[in-house]
């Protein structure tokens, strides 16, 4: 029994096994982080798209409410900012203009007073994230108005193209005193 037995202790990890385990852990954590980032990004885009769709529907509903009973509708994109003027009778005018720097549609209501003076409301927000706004020319006397606009978010955009609004009244000429 003069032989010494060398006993090997295999209870721990070798350096190579430890490096392999850490590498696999890093890869798995990287995949999980990538999936979380993609899910968050998808959620942001989807949420923004829904928000833009709701904003577009709100703008369209408000425009329809104002235009359907109008006597005259004029759109002028030759001036800065582009303006939509909607006249109701002889005493009421709505003006919606595109504010390019703020990417908003602004709304002003003008009322002709009994004494002939005109009072205006302060501009109010009519729509936000508006990149483009156009209303078809009504000079032909048609009782159909086509509205187009584009809403631009951070990740996506939403376009309304040639949405039709039927007027109940026959179009008349815009009063010159406005």
Foldseek 3Di string as FASTA:
>chain_A
DPDDDDDDDPPDDDPVRVVVVVVVVVVVVVVVVVVVVVVVVVVVVVVVVVVQVVLVVQLVVVCLVQQQAFQAWAWAVVDPFTWIWTHHPDFKIKIWTQDQVQQFIWIKIWGQDPVRDIDIDDIDTSGHQWNDWDKDGCPVFAQKIFIWTKGDDPPGIDIDGGDIHGHPHGHDDDDPVD
